[in-house]
Protein backbone atom coordinates (compact mmCIF):
# COMPACT_ATOMS: atom_id res chain seq x y z
CA MET A 1 -11.76 12.29 -9.42
CA VAL A 2 -12.14 8.96 -8.02
CA LYS A 3 -15.31 7.95 -6.32
CA LEU A 4 -15.61 4.32 -5.04
CA ASN A 5 -19.16 3.57 -3.54
CA LYS A 6 -19.18 0.01 -3.79
CA ILE A 7 -15.77 -2.04 -3.41
CA TYR A 8 -16.98 -5.39 -4.95
CA THR A 9 -17.90 -5.26 -8.31
CA ARG A 10 -17.76 -9.16 -9.26
CA SER A 11 -16.43 -8.06 -12.59
CA GLY A 12 -13.06 -9.70 -12.05
CA ASP A 13 -14.75 -13.11 -10.94
CA LYS A 14 -13.51 -14.83 -13.87
CA GLY A 15 -10.00 -13.71 -13.68
CA THR A 16 -9.92 -10.68 -15.65
CA THR A 17 -9.74 -6.75 -14.75
CA VAL A 18 -10.13 -3.41 -16.69
CA LEU A 19 -7.12 -1.21 -17.51
CA VAL A 20 -7.51 2.75 -17.15
CA THR A 21 -8.52 2.70 -21.09
CA GLY A 22 -11.23 0.16 -20.42
CA GLU A 23 -9.47 -2.72 -22.03
CA ARG A 24 -10.26 -5.90 -20.40
CA VAL A 25 -7.11 -8.00 -19.72
CA GLY A 26 -6.30 -11.16 -17.51
CA LYS A 27 -5.28 -10.65 -14.03
CA THR A 28 -1.88 -12.31 -15.05
CA HIS A 29 -1.38 -9.67 -17.68
CA ALA A 30 2.24 -8.26 -17.40
CA ARG A 31 0.97 -4.51 -16.53
CA ILE A 32 -1.22 -6.00 -13.70
CA ALA A 33 1.64 -8.13 -12.29
CA ALA A 34 3.80 -4.66 -12.58
CA TYR A 35 1.41 -2.62 -10.86
CA GLY A 36 0.23 -5.00 -8.47
CA THR A 37 3.87 -5.41 -7.25
CA VAL A 38 4.08 -1.52 -6.91
CA ASP A 39 1.12 -1.95 -4.89
CA GLU A 40 2.76 -4.44 -2.57
CA ALA A 41 5.70 -2.33 -2.35
CA ASN A 42 3.63 0.72 -1.27
CA SER A 43 1.86 -1.47 1.36
CA ALA A 44 5.43 -2.20 2.86
CA ILE A 45 6.48 1.43 2.77
CA GLY A 46 3.15 2.10 4.69
CA MET A 47 4.31 -0.45 7.51
CA ALA A 48 7.72 1.31 7.50
CA ARG A 49 5.93 4.56 8.30
CA VAL A 50 4.24 3.31 11.24
CA TYR A 51 8.01 3.88 12.74
CA THR A 52 9.11 6.97 10.98
CA THR A 53 9.01 10.58 11.84
CA GLY A 54 10.26 13.96 10.46
CA LYS A 55 11.64 14.24 6.96
CA LEU A 56 12.00 10.51 6.27
CA ASP A 57 8.21 10.24 6.72
CA GLU A 58 7.57 13.11 4.86
CA MET A 59 9.68 11.48 1.78
CA LEU A 60 7.91 8.15 2.09
CA ALA A 61 4.40 10.01 2.20
CA ARG A 62 5.37 11.54 -1.18
CA ILE A 63 6.81 8.33 -2.46
CA GLN A 64 3.51 6.61 -1.53
CA ASN A 65 1.31 9.20 -3.53
CA ASP A 66 3.84 8.71 -6.48
CA CYS A 67 3.55 4.61 -6.32
CA PHE A 68 -0.38 5.49 -7.01
CA ASP A 69 0.99 7.66 -10.10
CA LEU A 70 3.11 4.82 -11.06
CA GLY A 71 0.23 2.44 -10.88
CA SER A 72 -1.88 4.85 -12.89
CA ASP A 73 0.84 5.03 -15.49
CA LEU A 74 1.36 1.40 -15.71
CA GLY A 75 -2.44 1.05 -16.06
CA THR A 76 -2.81 3.49 -19.03
CA PRO A 77 -0.97 1.71 -22.08
CA GLU A 78 -0.81 3.92 -25.22
CA PRO A 79 -2.84 2.67 -28.03
CA GLU A 80 -0.89 0.63 -30.28
CA ASP A 81 -2.09 2.26 -33.06
CA GLY A 82 -0.64 5.52 -32.21
CA SER A 83 -4.30 7.15 -31.75
CA ASP A 84 -5.03 9.87 -29.01
CA LEU A 85 -6.26 8.65 -25.76
CA GLY A 86 -8.86 11.91 -25.89
CA TYR A 87 -7.36 12.71 -22.43
CA GLU A 88 -4.01 13.28 -20.94
CA PRO A 89 -2.96 10.04 -18.92
CA LEU A 90 -1.38 10.14 -15.63
CA ARG A 91 2.24 9.41 -16.37
CA ILE A 92 5.36 9.55 -14.09
CA ILE A 93 7.43 12.63 -14.99
CA GLU A 94 11.18 13.14 -14.97
CA ALA A 95 10.88 15.67 -12.00
CA GLN A 96 9.60 12.59 -9.87
CA VAL A 97 12.70 10.96 -10.59
CA THR A 98 15.02 13.86 -10.04
CA ARG A 99 13.11 14.45 -6.63
CA LEU A 100 14.08 10.92 -5.98
CA GLU A 101 17.45 11.43 -6.73
CA ASN A 102 17.93 14.37 -4.72
CA GLU A 103 16.39 12.85 -1.67
CA ILE A 104 18.75 9.87 -1.76
CA ASP A 105 21.57 12.58 -1.83
CA GLU A 106 20.12 14.37 0.89
CA LEU A 107 19.79 11.32 3.16
CA ASN A 108 22.88 9.65 1.77
CA ALA A 109 25.08 12.60 2.97
CA GLU A 110 24.58 12.16 6.51
CA LEU A 111 25.65 8.38 6.28
CA GLU A 112 28.99 6.86 6.67
CA PRO A 113 30.30 5.08 3.28
CA LEU A 114 29.65 1.46 3.51
CA THR A 115 32.80 -1.11 4.20
CA SER A 116 30.34 -4.09 3.37
CA PHE A 117 27.07 -5.35 2.47
CA VAL A 118 24.10 -4.51 4.63
CA LEU A 119 22.06 -7.37 5.96
CA PRO A 120 18.31 -6.45 5.92
CA GLY A 121 16.95 -5.56 9.32
CA GLY A 122 17.94 -3.42 12.02
CA CYS A 123 15.05 -1.39 13.66
CA GLU A 124 11.41 -1.72 12.75
CA ALA A 125 11.42 1.21 10.19
CA ALA A 126 14.66 -0.28 8.42
CA ALA A 127 13.35 -3.90 8.31
CA ASN A 128 10.28 -2.61 6.56
CA LEU A 129 12.23 -0.23 4.17
CA HIS A 130 14.24 -3.24 3.30
CA LEU A 131 11.28 -5.34 2.58
CA ALA A 132 9.86 -2.68 0.42
CA ARG A 133 13.04 -2.23 -1.46
CA THR A 134 13.09 -5.76 -2.46
CA ILE A 135 9.31 -5.69 -3.46
CA ALA A 136 10.37 -2.53 -5.67
CA ARG A 137 13.12 -4.53 -7.40
CA ARG A 138 10.63 -7.33 -8.18
CA ALA A 139 8.20 -4.71 -9.66
CA GLU A 140 11.27 -3.17 -11.52
CA ARG A 141 11.88 -6.81 -13.06
CA LEU A 142 8.34 -7.05 -13.92
CA MET A 143 8.08 -3.61 -15.65
CA VAL A 144 11.26 -4.41 -17.53
CA GLU A 145 9.43 -7.75 -18.53
CA ALA A 146 6.27 -5.85 -19.73
CA ALA A 147 8.40 -3.52 -21.51
CA GLU A 148 9.86 -6.26 -23.55
CA SER A 149 6.28 -6.58 -25.30
CA GLU A 150 4.96 -2.97 -24.92
CA LYS A 151 5.83 0.35 -24.52
CA ILE A 152 6.26 1.24 -20.72
CA SER A 153 7.38 4.81 -20.30
CA GLU A 154 11.12 5.42 -19.48
CA ALA A 155 10.43 7.78 -16.69
CA ALA A 156 8.15 5.11 -15.07
CA LEU A 157 11.08 2.84 -15.65
CA LYS A 158 13.55 5.14 -14.13
CA TYR A 159 11.45 5.88 -11.36
CA ILE A 160 11.03 2.21 -9.98
CA ASN A 161 14.96 1.58 -10.25
CA ARG A 162 15.46 4.91 -8.16
CA LEU A 163 13.00 4.07 -5.79
CA SER A 164 14.95 0.72 -4.52
CA ASP A 165 17.89 2.64 -4.10
CA PHE A 166 16.05 5.31 -2.23
CA LEU A 167 14.54 2.65 0.16
CA PHE A 168 18.12 1.25 0.58
CA VAL A 169 19.49 4.57 1.65
CA ALA A 170 16.21 5.31 3.82
CA ALA A 171 16.81 1.97 5.65
CA ARG A 172 20.23 2.65 6.57
CA TYR A 173 19.26 6.21 7.65
CA ALA A 174 16.38 4.57 9.71
CA ASN A 175 19.18 2.62 11.16
CA ASP A 176 20.66 5.34 13.18
CA LYS A 177 22.11 6.81 10.13
CA GLY A 178 23.92 3.52 9.53
CA ALA A 179 25.28 3.11 12.96
CA SER A 180 22.95 0.32 13.64
CA ASP A 181 23.45 -1.19 10.36
CA VAL A 182 23.87 -5.14 10.30
CA LEU A 183 26.88 -5.71 8.10
CA TRP A 184 27.55 -9.08 6.10
CA VAL A 185 30.47 -11.01 7.40
CA PRO A 186 31.39 -13.18 4.41
CA GLY A 187 31.98 -16.72 5.33
CA ALA A 188 31.10 -16.08 9.01
CA ASN A 189 29.48 -19.26 9.94
CA ARG A 190 31.61 -21.72 7.80
């Protein structure tokens, strides 16, 4: 159980922070950059939720909770020596990836197929979902970069990849099920 009585600790004043394992690392560490960007995407999702209702809002609420699970996963590296942490770390699991895939399919079933790329925008919810999508893509790039030097769970990498796909479909769904999408017109302003 998380208990936060005091918000500032001064322990990060010199540019370091603590992973879940207790290891102190620099705030520019690959894991910190990755889970910080997941948090940024989560905040953009929160902005979108100001404008959503019904099943889309329920899906986004689950995703916001998953983003905290993902942050915990990223903040808990596996010991390099293969030893046991002494507790079961919170990790993204395949069922969360599968749920996202099912929700993508559920929303996408109500959309017309695309005939062009979609410009980010439309209604308030869609615009914020597009922003969240681009932030999630940046988080994915940072996670892949971190995975080049240390173990990042496969389920976490799958989840962040599906998240940006979900946010794209969700933005279209929020735009009157795609009817209000703004489509790219190649070379329109030449």
